[in-house]
């Protein structure tokens, strides 16, 4: 049976994730107190006839500091050969979370009289640090809308074959911030920039004209080959450590040309080697640029 623990900062996408999993056949329980997780797990795994083979539980900061500090101990106590356990943690930067609460006019669960929203978010981040540290997959949703988040959950969590490493290759623009959920970050801003070619400026690394501009340049070829070779060495190492998720981020200035091209080529290569590889262009998907 698969059990996924969903946690993270309020407003970062936990509810969307649980709804997506539920739509895909998971039995979902939101706001389960962490102190009840052990008994809950025993109940769903001890049945003679297994009713649920895919379960997801949402755990938030209201579980209390004492239980949250024991998160690793609690998780270790429920692990067994019959249970495949994953921890997925959601986060976003402070300004984005404040904007989301303002737009939805919802109240942060930790706000009390006299405590401003920013302070409540900091308190929550500190309380959830033990879960964040144990997460198999950490997703930064700062630049991700609801539809993109649903797709990420489907591509990375639901579509991942059991016990197989899921690799995400994503392009991004440094001008819009570094993806906090990255395991590897490669800076390709040193490569020739199609932005300075007037005919190529409105295009992206997915367009043939930009690809033709980049593909024969020695620095581009060298950069691609070296990143490819490095990841070809390290992906199996991560898989050997029973890691479920690996995020490789490729960044240029605006996330439109060079990083998109390199990410596309890496995806094309590694899709031939592994069955669970997905591609994301953060700035293009978010409308930045």
C-alpha atoms as a PDB file:
ATOM      1  CA  UNK A   1       0.000   0.000   0.000  1.00  0.00           C
ATOM      2  CA  UNK A   2       1.162   3.521  -0.748  1.00  0.00           C
ATOM      3  CA  UNK A   3       0.831   6.245   1.895  1.00  0.00           C
ATOM      4  CA  UNK A   4       1.632   9.850   0.990  1.00  0.00           C
ATOM      5  CA  UNK A   5       1.988  12.474   3.712  1.00  0.00           C
ATOM      6  CA  UNK A   6       1.127  15.928   2.385  1.00  0.00           C
ATOM      7  CA  UNK A   7       2.370  18.896   4.386  1.00  0.00           C
ATOM      8  CA  UNK A   8       3.691  22.403   3.954  1.00  0.00           C
ATOM      9  CA  UNK A   9       2.931  26.061   4.418  1.00  0.00           C
ATOM     10  CA  UNK A  10      -0.669  27.229   4.408  1.00  0.00           C
ATOM     11  CA  UNK A  11      -1.508  28.686   1.016  1.00  0.00           C
ATOM     12  CA  UNK A  12       1.228  26.762  -0.788  1.00  0.00           C
ATOM     13  CA  UNK A  13      -1.016  24.158  -2.434  1.00  0.00           C
ATOM     14  CA  UNK A  14      -1.631  21.304   0.032  1.00  0.00           C
ATOM     15  CA  UNK A  15      -5.383  21.300  -0.491  1.00  0.00           C
ATOM     16  CA  UNK A  16      -5.017  21.321  -4.276  1.00  0.00           C
ATOM     17  CA  UNK A  17      -2.638  18.361  -3.994  1.00  0.00           C
ATOM     18  CA  UNK A  18      -5.044  16.356  -1.831  1.00  0.00           C
ATOM     19  CA  UNK A  19      -7.967  17.078  -4.154  1.00  0.00           C
ATOM     20  CA  UNK A  20      -5.864  16.006  -7.144  1.00  0.00           C
ATOM     21  CA  UNK A  21      -4.876  12.757  -5.441  1.00  0.00           C
ATOM     22  CA  UNK A  22      -8.481  12.114  -4.434  1.00  0.00           C
ATOM     23  CA  UNK A  23      -9.621  12.644  -8.029  1.00  0.00           C
ATOM     24  CA  UNK A  24      -7.077  10.013  -9.077  1.00  0.00           C
ATOM     25  CA  UNK A  25      -8.390   7.363  -6.686  1.00  0.00           C
ATOM     26  CA  UNK A  26      -6.504   8.039  -3.439  1.00  0.00           C
ATOM     27  CA  UNK A  27      -8.321   7.803  -0.118  1.00  0.00           C
ATOM     28  CA  UNK A  28      -7.551  11.208   1.431  1.00  0.00           C
ATOM     29  CA  UNK A  29      -7.753  12.496   5.002  1.00  0.00           C
ATOM     30  CA  UNK A  30      -6.998  16.173   5.623  1.00  0.00           C
ATOM     31  CA  UNK A  31      -5.792  17.765   8.870  1.00  0.00           C
ATOM     32  CA  UNK A  32      -4.997  14.447  10.550  1.00  0.00           C
ATOM     33  CA  UNK A  33      -3.283  15.174  13.898  1.00  0.00           C
ATOM     34  CA  UNK A  34       0.241  13.809  13.669  1.00  0.00           C
ATOM     35  CA  UNK A  35      -0.207  12.064  17.008  1.00  0.00           C
ATOM     36  CA  UNK A  36      -2.905   9.876  15.426  1.00  0.00           C
ATOM     37  CA  UNK A  37      -0.843   8.850  12.391  1.00  0.00           C
ATOM     38  CA  UNK A  38       0.498   5.650  13.971  1.00  0.00           C
ATOM     39  CA  UNK A  39      -2.953   4.356  14.943  1.00  0.00           C
ATOM     40  CA  UNK A  40      -4.413   5.443  11.604  1.00  0.00           C
ATOM     41  CA  UNK A  41      -1.713   3.550   9.708  1.00  0.00           C
ATOM     42  CA  UNK A  42      -2.221   0.412  11.792  1.00  0.00           C
ATOM     43  CA  UNK A  43      -5.938   0.524  11.096  1.00  0.00           C
ATOM     44  CA  UNK A  44      -5.650   0.805   7.314  1.00  0.00           C
ATOM     45  CA  UNK A  45      -2.868  -1.784   6.977  1.00  0.00           C
ATOM     46  CA  UNK A  46      -4.131  -4.449   9.395  1.00  0.00           C
ATOM     47  CA  UNK A  47      -7.353  -5.297   7.585  1.00  0.00           C
ATOM     48  CA  UNK A  48      -7.531  -8.841   6.227  1.00  0.00           C
ATOM     49  CA  UNK A  49      -9.025  -7.445   3.044  1.00  0.00           C
ATOM     50  CA  UNK A  50      -7.196  -4.323   1.953  1.00  0.00           C
ATOM     51  CA  UNK A  51      -9.769  -1.685   1.048  1.00  0.00           C
ATOM     52  CA  UNK A  52      -7.375   1.142   0.224  1.00  0.00           C
ATOM     53  CA  UNK A  53      -4.177   0.665  -1.763  1.00  0.00           C
ATOM     54  CA  UNK A  54      -3.429   4.390  -2.133  1.00  0.00           C
ATOM     55  CA  UNK A  55      -3.848   6.743   0.822  1.00  0.00           C
ATOM     56  CA  UNK A  56      -2.893  10.389   1.364  1.00  0.00           C
ATOM     57  CA  UNK A  57      -3.041  12.340   4.625  1.00  0.00           C
ATOM     58  CA  UNK A  58      -2.670  16.071   5.147  1.00  0.00           C
ATOM     59  CA  UNK A  59      -0.723  17.201   8.212  1.00  0.00           C
ATOM     60  CA  UNK A  60      -0.288  20.840   9.160  1.00  0.00           C
ATOM     61  CA  UNK A  61       1.247  22.952  11.917  1.00  0.00           C
ATOM     62  CA  UNK A  62      -1.813  22.626  14.144  1.00  0.00           C
ATOM     63  CA  UNK A  63      -0.560  19.154  15.101  1.00  0.00           C
ATOM     64  CA  UNK A  64       1.489  20.953  17.753  1.00  0.00           C
ATOM     65  CA  UNK A  65       5.181  21.528  18.335  1.00  0.00           C
ATOM     66  CA  UNK A  66       5.769  18.470  20.524  1.00  0.00           C
ATOM     67  CA  UNK A  67       4.450  15.993  17.945  1.00  0.00           C
ATOM     68  CA  UNK A  68       6.020  17.819  14.994  1.00  0.00           C
ATOM     69  CA  UNK A  69       9.453  17.631  16.644  1.00  0.00           C
ATOM     70  CA  UNK A  70       8.969  13.843  16.765  1.00  0.00           C
ATOM     71  CA  UNK A  71       8.037  13.585  13.087  1.00  0.00           C
ATOM     72  CA  UNK A  72      11.051  11.490  12.088  1.00  0.00           C
ATOM     73  CA  UNK A  73      10.522   9.138  15.036  1.00  0.00           C
ATOM     74  CA  UNK A  74       6.814   8.742  14.210  1.00  0.00           C
ATOM     75  CA  UNK A  75       7.526   8.065  10.538  1.00  0.00           C
ATOM     76  CA  UNK A  76      10.177   5.478  11.361  1.00  0.00           C
ATOM     77  CA  UNK A  77       7.714   3.693  13.659  1.00  0.00           C
ATOM     78  CA  UNK A  78       5.123   3.171  10.898  1.00  0.00           C
ATOM     79  CA  UNK A  79       7.488   2.034   8.159  1.00  0.00           C
ATOM     80  CA  UNK A  80       7.209  -1.606   7.180  1.00  0.00           C
ATOM     81  CA  UNK A  81       7.627  -3.826   4.137  1.00  0.00           C
ATOM     82  CA  UNK A  82       3.929  -3.607   3.271  1.00  0.00           C
ATOM     83  CA  UNK A  83       3.872   0.205   3.248  1.00  0.00           C
ATOM     84  CA  UNK A  84       5.436   2.484   0.647  1.00  0.00           C
ATOM     85  CA  UNK A  85       5.701   5.851   2.381  1.00  0.00           C
ATOM     86  CA  UNK A  86       6.360   9.237   0.780  1.00  0.00           C
ATOM     87  CA  UNK A  87       6.491  12.725   2.261  1.00  0.00           C
ATOM     88  CA  UNK A  88       5.638  15.646  -0.037  1.00  0.00           C
ATOM     89  CA  UNK A  89       6.218  19.175   1.274  1.00  0.00           C
ATOM     90  CA  UNK A  90       4.858  22.400  -0.251  1.00  0.00           C
ATOM     91  CA  UNK A  91       6.342  25.855   0.131  1.00  0.00           C
ATOM     92  CA  UNK A  92       6.275  29.319  -1.444  1.00  0.00           C
ATOM     93  CA  UNK A  93       8.025  32.595  -0.694  1.00  0.00           C
ATOM     94  CA  UNK A  94       6.650  35.029   1.856  1.00  0.00           C
ATOM     95  CA  UNK A  95       5.425  37.700  -0.574  1.00  0.00           C
ATOM     96  CA  UNK A  96       3.527  35.160  -2.675  1.00  0.00           C
ATOM     97  CA  UNK A  97       1.851  33.606   0.367  1.00  0.00           C
ATOM     98  CA  UNK A  98       0.786  37.018   1.665  1.00  0.00           C
ATOM     99  CA  UNK A  99      -0.628  37.858  -1.763  1.00  0.00           C
ATOM    100  CA  UNK A 100      -2.583  34.587  -1.880  1.00  0.00           C
ATOM    101  CA  UNK A 101      -4.132  35.167   1.541  1.00  0.00           C
ATOM    102  CA  UNK A 102      -5.022  38.707   0.515  1.00  0.00           C
ATOM    103  CA  UNK A 103      -6.635  37.547  -2.730  1.00  0.00           C
ATOM    104  CA  UNK A 104      -8.665  34.752  -1.131  1.00  0.00           C
ATOM    105  CA  UNK A 105      -9.420  36.729   2.063  1.00  0.00           C
ATOM    106  CA  UNK A 106      -8.852  33.567   4.026  1.00  0.00           C
ATOM    107  CA  UNK A 107      -7.357  33.576   7.485  1.00  0.00           C
ATOM    108  CA  UNK A 108      -4.043  31.880   8.223  1.00  0.00           C
ATOM    109  CA  UNK A 109      -4.635  29.004  10.687  1.00  0.00           C
ATOM    110  CA  UNK A 110      -1.975  30.322  13.097  1.00  0.00           C
ATOM    111  CA  UNK A 111      -3.013  33.970  13.158  1.00  0.00           C
ATOM    112  CA  UNK A 112      -4.175  35.177  16.522  1.00  0.00           C
ATOM    113  CA  UNK A 113      -5.059  38.588  17.829  1.00  0.00           C
ATOM    114  CA  UNK A 114      -2.030  40.828  17.549  1.00  0.00           C
ATOM    115  CA  UNK A 115       0.035  38.444  15.356  1.00  0.00           C
ATOM    116  CA  UNK A 116       0.529  39.716  11.781  1.00  0.00           C
ATOM    117  CA  UNK A 117       0.328  37.348   8.817  1.00  0.00           C
ATOM    118  CA  UNK A 118       4.069  37.426   8.043  1.00  0.00           C
ATOM    119  CA  UNK A 119       4.891  36.393  11.609  1.00  0.00           C
ATOM    120  CA  UNK A 120       2.334  33.572  11.495  1.00  0.00           C
ATOM    121  CA  UNK A 121       3.958  32.257   8.296  1.00  0.00           C
ATOM    122  CA  UNK A 122       7.398  32.326   9.956  1.00  0.00           C
ATOM    123  CA  UNK A 123       6.040  30.468  13.002  1.00  0.00           C
ATOM    124  CA  UNK A 124       4.465  27.868  10.732  1.00  0.00           C
ATOM    125  CA  UNK A 125       7.687  27.442   8.732  1.00  0.00           C
ATOM    126  CA  UNK A 126       9.643  26.798  11.933  1.00  0.00           C
ATOM    127  CA  UNK A 127       7.052  24.356  13.281  1.00  0.00           C
ATOM    128  CA  UNK A 128       7.056  22.364  10.042  1.00  0.00           C
ATOM    129  CA  UNK A 129      10.857  22.305   9.662  1.00  0.00           C
ATOM    130  CA  UNK A 130      11.108  18.656  10.876  1.00  0.00           C
ATOM    131  CA  UNK A 131       8.729  17.593   8.088  1.00  0.00           C
ATOM    132  CA  UNK A 132      10.492  19.730   5.474  1.00  0.00           C
ATOM    133  CA  UNK A 133      13.804  18.106   6.393  1.00  0.00           C
ATOM    134  CA  UNK A 134      12.389  14.601   5.867  1.00  0.00           C
ATOM    135  CA  UNK A 135      10.509  15.341   2.632  1.00  0.00           C
ATOM    136  CA  UNK A 136      11.060  13.019  -0.323  1.00  0.00           C
ATOM    137  CA  UNK A 137       9.745  15.758  -2.597  1.00  0.00           C
ATOM    138  CA  UNK A 138       9.743  19.482  -1.870  1.00  0.00           C
ATOM    139  CA  UNK A 139       7.700  21.640  -4.253  1.00  0.00           C
ATOM    140  CA  UNK A 140       8.139  25.415  -4.442  1.00  0.00           C
ATOM    141  CA  UNK A 141       4.838  26.735  -5.804  1.00  0.00           C
ATOM    142  CA  UNK A 142       5.788  30.431  -5.856  1.00  0.00           C
ATOM    143  CA  UNK A 143       5.533  30.564  -9.650  1.00  0.00           C
ATOM    144  CA  UNK A 144       2.913  27.822 -10.009  1.00  0.00           C
ATOM    145  CA  UNK A 145      -0.812  28.260 -10.512  1.00  0.00           C
ATOM    146  CA  UNK A 146      -3.525  25.733  -9.625  1.00  0.00           C
ATOM    147  CA  UNK A 147      -3.585  24.070 -13.054  1.00  0.00           C
ATOM    148  CA  UNK A 148       0.212  23.754 -13.189  1.00  0.00           C
ATOM    149  CA  UNK A 149       0.280  22.324  -9.673  1.00  0.00           C
ATOM    150  CA  UNK A 150      -2.289  19.672 -10.561  1.00  0.00           C
ATOM    151  CA  UNK A 151      -0.160  18.692 -13.555  1.00  0.00           C
ATOM    152  CA  UNK A 152       2.978  18.517 -11.393  1.00  0.00           C
ATOM    153  CA  UNK A 153       1.221  16.209  -8.927  1.00  0.00           C
ATOM    154  CA  UNK A 154      -0.024  13.970 -11.728  1.00  0.00           C
ATOM    155  CA  UNK A 155       3.343  13.867 -13.527  1.00  0.00           C
ATOM    156  CA  UNK A 156       5.611  13.466 -10.517  1.00  0.00           C
ATOM    157  CA  UNK A 157       3.629  11.725  -7.785  1.00  0.00           C
ATOM    158  CA  UNK A 158       0.814   9.780  -9.418  1.00  0.00           C
ATOM    159  CA  UNK A 159       2.572   8.718 -12.624  1.00  0.00           C
ATOM    160  CA  UNK A 160       5.775   7.609 -10.853  1.00  0.00           C
ATOM    161  CA  UNK A 161       6.109   3.814 -10.948  1.00  0.00           C
ATOM    162  CA  UNK A 162       6.527   2.233  -7.527  1.00  0.00           C
ATOM    163  CA  UNK A 163      10.079   2.446  -6.173  1.00  0.00           C
ATOM    164  CA  UNK A 164      11.317   4.317  -9.263  1.00  0.00           C
ATOM    165  CA  UNK A 165      13.091   7.677  -9.217  1.00  0.00           C
ATOM    166  CA  UNK A 166      11.057  10.526 -10.725  1.00  0.00           C
ATOM    167  CA  UNK A 167      13.261  13.094 -12.480  1.00  0.00           C
ATOM    168  CA  UNK A 168      12.015  16.619 -13.217  1.00  0.00           C
ATOM    169  CA  UNK A 169      14.032  18.744 -15.630  1.00  0.00           C
ATOM    170  CA  UNK A 170      12.959  22.370 -15.459  1.00  0.00           C
ATOM    171  CA  UNK A 171      14.081  25.618 -17.045  1.00  0.00           C
ATOM    172  CA  UNK A 172      13.828  28.919 -15.186  1.00  0.00           C
ATOM    173  CA  UNK A 173      14.962  32.542 -15.277  1.00  0.00           C
ATOM    174  CA  UNK A 174      17.306  33.866 -12.600  1.00  0.00           C
ATOM    175  CA  UNK A 175      15.580  37.260 -12.801  1.00  0.00           C
ATOM    176  CA  UNK A 176      12.454  35.605 -11.362  1.00  0.00           C
ATOM    177  CA  UNK A 177      14.265  33.810  -8.492  1.00  0.00           C
ATOM    178  CA  UNK A 178      15.983  30.477  -7.992  1.00  0.00           C
ATOM    179  CA  UNK A 179      13.722  27.389  -7.649  1.00  0.00           C
ATOM    180  CA  UNK A 180      14.021  26.390  -3.991  1.00  0.00           C
ATOM    181  CA  UNK A 181      13.033  22.799  -4.720  1.00  0.00           C
ATOM    182  CA  UNK A 182      16.102  22.067  -6.867  1.00  0.00           C
ATOM    183  CA  UNK A 183      18.576  19.250  -6.215  1.00  0.00           C
ATOM    184  CA  UNK A 184      20.905  20.430  -9.000  1.00  0.00           C
ATOM    185  CA  UNK A 185      21.083  23.938 -10.506  1.00  0.00           C
ATOM    186  CA  UNK A 186      23.008  24.698 -13.697  1.00  0.00           C
ATOM    187  CA  UNK A 187      23.656  28.294 -14.774  1.00  0.00           C
ATOM    188  CA  UNK A 188      23.732  28.619 -18.582  1.00  0.00           C
ATOM    189  CA  UNK A 189      23.854  32.432 -18.715  1.00  0.00           C
ATOM    190  CA  UNK A 190      27.373  32.183 -20.134  1.00  0.00           C
ATOM    191  CA  UNK A 191      26.019  30.789 -23.424  1.00  0.00           C
ATOM    192  CA  UNK A 192      25.339  32.947 -26.522  1.00  0.00           C
ATOM    193  CA  UNK A 193      22.028  34.715 -25.989  1.00  0.00           C
ATOM    194  CA  UNK A 194      19.369  34.620 -28.741  1.00  0.00           C
ATOM    195  CA  UNK A 195      17.691  37.554 -26.981  1.00  0.00           C
ATOM    196  CA  UNK A 196      20.141  39.890 -28.713  1.00  0.00           C
ATOM    197  CA  UNK A 197      19.078  38.661 -32.135  1.00  0.00           C
ATOM    198  CA  UNK A 198      16.009  40.784 -33.051  1.00  0.00           C
ATOM    199  CA  UNK A 199      14.381  37.987 -35.066  1.00  0.00           C
ATOM    200  CA  UNK A 200      14.816  35.480 -32.210  1.00  0.00           C
ATOM    201  CA  UNK A 201      13.877  37.686 -29.258  1.00  0.00           C
ATOM    202  CA  UNK A 202      10.113  36.941 -29.312  1.00  0.00           C
ATOM    203  CA  UNK A 203      10.735  33.191 -29.756  1.00  0.00           C
ATOM    204  CA  UNK A 204      11.697  30.514 -27.224  1.00  0.00           C
ATOM    205  CA  UNK A 205      14.039  27.553 -26.992  1.00  0.00           C
ATOM    206  CA  UNK A 206      11.226  25.377 -28.307  1.00  0.00           C
ATOM    207  CA  UNK A 207      11.257  27.167 -31.677  1.00  0.00           C
ATOM    208  CA  UNK A 208      13.282  25.774 -34.556  1.00  0.00           C
ATOM    209  CA  UNK A 209      14.954  29.115 -35.301  1.00  0.00           C
ATOM    210  CA  UNK A 210      16.339  29.391 -31.770  1.00  0.00           C
ATOM    211  CA  UNK A 211      17.388  25.739 -31.749  1.00  0.00           C
ATOM    212  CA  UNK A 212      19.254  26.222 -35.030  1.00  0.00           C
ATOM    213  CA  UNK A 213      20.998  29.280 -33.561  1.00  0.00           C
ATOM    214  CA  UNK A 214      22.180  27.357 -30.496  1.00  0.00           C
ATOM    215  CA  UNK A 215      22.759  23.769 -31.576  1.00  0.00           C
ATOM    216  CA  UNK A 216      26.021  24.251 -33.507  1.00  0.00           C
ATOM    217  CA  UNK A 217      27.719  26.637 -31.062  1.00  0.00           C
ATOM    218  CA  UNK A 218      30.652  24.999 -29.322  1.00  0.00           C
ATOM    219  CA  UNK A 219      29.901  26.391 -25.861  1.00  0.00           C
ATOM    220  CA  UNK A 220      26.311  25.170 -26.107  1.00  0.00           C
ATOM    221  CA  UNK A 221      27.422  21.705 -27.209  1.00  0.00           C
ATOM    222  CA  UNK A 222      30.002  21.526 -24.404  1.00  0.00           C
ATOM    223  CA  UNK A 223      27.523  22.727 -21.774  1.00  0.00           C
ATOM    224  CA  UNK A 224      24.907  20.178 -22.813  1.00  0.00           C
ATOM    225  CA  UNK A 225      27.392  17.298 -22.945  1.00  0.00           C
ATOM    226  CA  UNK A 226      28.878  18.093 -19.547  1.00  0.00           C
ATOM    227  CA  UNK A 227      25.503  18.458 -17.824  1.00  0.00           C
ATOM    228  CA  UNK A 228      24.282  15.283 -19.542  1.00  0.00           C
ATOM    229  CA  UNK A 229      27.353  13.313 -18.468  1.00  0.00           C
ATOM    230  CA  UNK A 230      27.191  14.600 -14.908  1.00  0.00           C
ATOM    231  CA  UNK A 231      23.526  13.680 -14.532  1.00  0.00           C
ATOM    232  CA  UNK A 232      24.057  10.315 -16.240  1.00  0.00           C
ATOM    233  CA  UNK A 233      26.523   9.565 -13.438  1.00  0.00           C
ATOM    234  CA  UNK A 234      24.474  10.914 -10.530  1.00  0.00           C
ATOM    235  CA  UNK A 235      20.907   9.849 -11.360  1.00  0.00           C
ATOM    236  CA  UNK A 236      21.682   6.150 -10.690  1.00  0.00           C
ATOM    237  CA  UNK A 237      23.432   7.149  -7.446  1.00  0.00           C
ATOM    238  CA  UNK A 238      20.301   8.934  -6.242  1.00  0.00           C
ATOM    239  CA  UNK A 239      18.184   5.933  -7.249  1.00  0.00           C
ATOM    240  CA  UNK A 240      20.476   3.599  -5.275  1.00  0.00           C
ATOM    241  CA  UNK A 241      19.778   5.651  -2.141  1.00  0.00           C
ATOM    242  CA  UNK A 242      16.042   4.941  -2.497  1.00  0.00           C
ATOM    243  CA  UNK A 243      15.313   8.533  -3.432  1.00  0.00           C
ATOM    244  CA  UNK A 244      11.916   8.964  -5.063  1.00  0.00           C
ATOM    245  CA  UNK A 245      12.407  12.416  -6.588  1.00  0.00           C
ATOM    246  CA  UNK A 246      15.165  14.432  -8.249  1.00  0.00           C
ATOM    247  CA  UNK A 247      14.821  17.980  -9.611  1.00  0.00           C
ATOM    248  CA  UNK A 248      17.353  19.347 -12.106  1.00  0.00           C
ATOM    249  CA  UNK A 249      17.009  23.080 -12.821  1.00  0.00           C
ATOM    250  CA  UNK A 250      18.572  24.883 -15.781  1.00  0.00           C
ATOM    251  CA  UNK A 251      18.671  28.670 -15.524  1.00  0.00           C
ATOM    252  CA  UNK A 252      19.345  31.550 -17.875  1.00  0.00           C
ATOM    253  CA  UNK A 253      18.446  35.215 -17.476  1.00  0.00           C
ATOM    254  CA  UNK A 254      14.782  35.196 -18.461  1.00  0.00           C
ATOM    255  CA  UNK A 255      14.023  31.489 -18.795  1.00  0.00           C
ATOM    256  CA  UNK A 256      12.956  31.750 -22.443  1.00  0.00           C
ATOM    257  CA  UNK A 257      15.802  30.714 -24.747  1.00  0.00           C
ATOM    258  CA  UNK A 258      19.011  29.073 -23.514  1.00  0.00           C
ATOM    259  CA  UNK A 259      17.665  27.270 -20.442  1.00  0.00           C
ATOM    260  CA  UNK A 260      14.621  26.077 -22.391  1.00  0.00           C
ATOM    261  CA  UNK A 261      16.803  24.681 -25.174  1.00  0.00           C
ATOM    262  CA  UNK A 262      19.175  22.848 -22.805  1.00  0.00           C
ATOM    263  CA  UNK A 263      16.265  21.479 -20.743  1.00  0.00           C
ATOM    264  CA  UNK A 264      14.544  20.240 -23.907  1.00  0.00           C
ATOM    265  CA  UNK A 265      17.689  18.425 -25.042  1.00  0.00           C
ATOM    266  CA  UNK A 266      18.274  16.870 -21.617  1.00  0.00           C
ATOM    267  CA  UNK A 267      14.676  15.705 -21.468  1.00  0.00           C
ATOM    268  CA  UNK A 268      14.934  14.180 -24.937  1.00  0.00           C
ATOM    269  CA  UNK A 269      18.071  12.286 -23.901  1.00  0.00           C
ATOM    270  CA  UNK A 270      16.983  11.027 -20.470  1.00  0.00           C
ATOM    271  CA  UNK A 271      13.489  10.028 -21.600  1.00  0.00           C
ATOM    272  CA  UNK A 272      15.268   7.314 -23.571  1.00  0.00           C
ATOM    273  CA  UNK A 273      17.034   6.114 -20.412  1.00  0.00           C
ATOM    274  CA  UNK A 274      14.306   6.341 -17.758  1.00  0.00           C
ATOM    275  CA  UNK A 275      10.535   5.927 -17.800  1.00  0.00           C
ATOM    276  CA  UNK A 276       9.725   8.612 -15.218  1.00  0.00           C
ATOM    277  CA  UNK A 277      11.180  11.856 -16.586  1.00  0.00           C
ATOM    278  CA  UNK A 278       9.110  15.032 -16.863  1.00  0.00           C
ATOM    279  CA  UNK A 279       9.808  18.489 -18.271  1.00  0.00           C
ATOM    280  CA  UNK A 280       8.717  21.907 -17.049  1.00  0.00           C
ATOM    281  CA  UNK A 281       9.453  25.413 -18.330  1.00  0.00           C
ATOM    282  CA  UNK A 282       8.695  27.523 -15.280  1.00  0.00           C
ATOM    283  CA  UNK A 283       8.670  30.991 -16.824  1.00  0.00           C
ATOM    284  CA  UNK A 284       6.895  29.986 -20.011  1.00  0.00           C
ATOM    285  CA  UNK A 285       4.230  28.131 -18.021  1.00  0.00           C
ATOM    286  CA  UNK A 286       3.821  31.104 -15.661  1.00  0.00           C
ATOM    287  CA  UNK A 287       3.634  33.704 -18.415  1.00  0.00           C
ATOM    288  CA  UNK A 288       6.866  35.433 -17.360  1.00  0.00           C
ATOM    289  CA  UNK A 289       8.960  37.003 -20.076  1.00  0.00           C
END
